[in-house]
Amino acid sequence: MSGIELRAWVYTAEQLGQALGCDDISAVYVPMRLAGEPLDEYADRVILLPPEFLGDCEERTEQELSELREAGFTRALAHTVGHIELLQRNGFEVCGGNRLNCTNSVTAGFLADCGLKDIILSPELTVKRINRIEKPVPAGFIAYGRLPLMLNRRCPIRDGKPCGKPNCGESVIDRKGKKLRVICSDNTVEILNSDVLMLNGRLSEFKADFAVLRFTTETDIEPIVKLYAQDIPTDEENVTRGLYYRGVK
């Protein structure tokens, strides 16, 4: 047991139901499209995920945020600095996402001064650098999942607007012949790493407050949560430790 709090980041309603039913998960990052009345009783465990790109939907997003705040949801994630004021204006406690690129103590201090309640640190950091960062607010790291390689505005499968289907099953092939899954939201498309980041068995090496398990294509998340709750190491194929042990070259 590592003593690190576990959080889940979900994309589908099925993953969301499983995460909320798991006692080992303290909080769940939930796309706004999945939030609504059935989640009201879990509002204290939900961290809302607004669209990552606001250029064509900020007014609509703000209206939806206002309605969700009235429904009892209190926390939401800022993907960028531009999200912070929008979320605070609508009465949310703001959590910092990994796209804020927090890589050092100065940035962590700045984001805390901006009013953020916690921060997901950059996945480009090594374990040593994560452990050295001064953390004025709770800080965490992504510990599991297929990390996004790109965030696009156009879908490479349809060569057009995103279809909005988070798990359509489509992939693109890279120059080495590896399949990179494609996940669409309403106005952006993520292209995912072919290998899964797995840090089970190593959580105790991180000086952090929470670890994020990022579920994208999974249909059954319980086995993964159990591995991390007990910090059990496993030997898996097609997995990566990310940049945590080798850094950016």
Foldseek 3Di string as FASTA:
>chain_A
DQQAQEAEEDDDPLVVVQLVVDPSHQAYEEELVNDDDVCLVVLVRYAYEYDLDCPVPVVVSLVSLLVVVVSPRAHYEHLEPVVLVSNVVSRHAYAYEQNNAAQAQVSQVVVVVSRHQEYAHHLLEAQVSQQPHDHPHFYEYAAKFFDFPDKAQADPVVRGGFPQAQPPPDFDADPVRATWDWGGHRGIITTTDSAMHHQQLPSNSHPGRHYYHYDRNDSDCVVVSVSNSVSPDDDDPRHDNRNHHPGDD
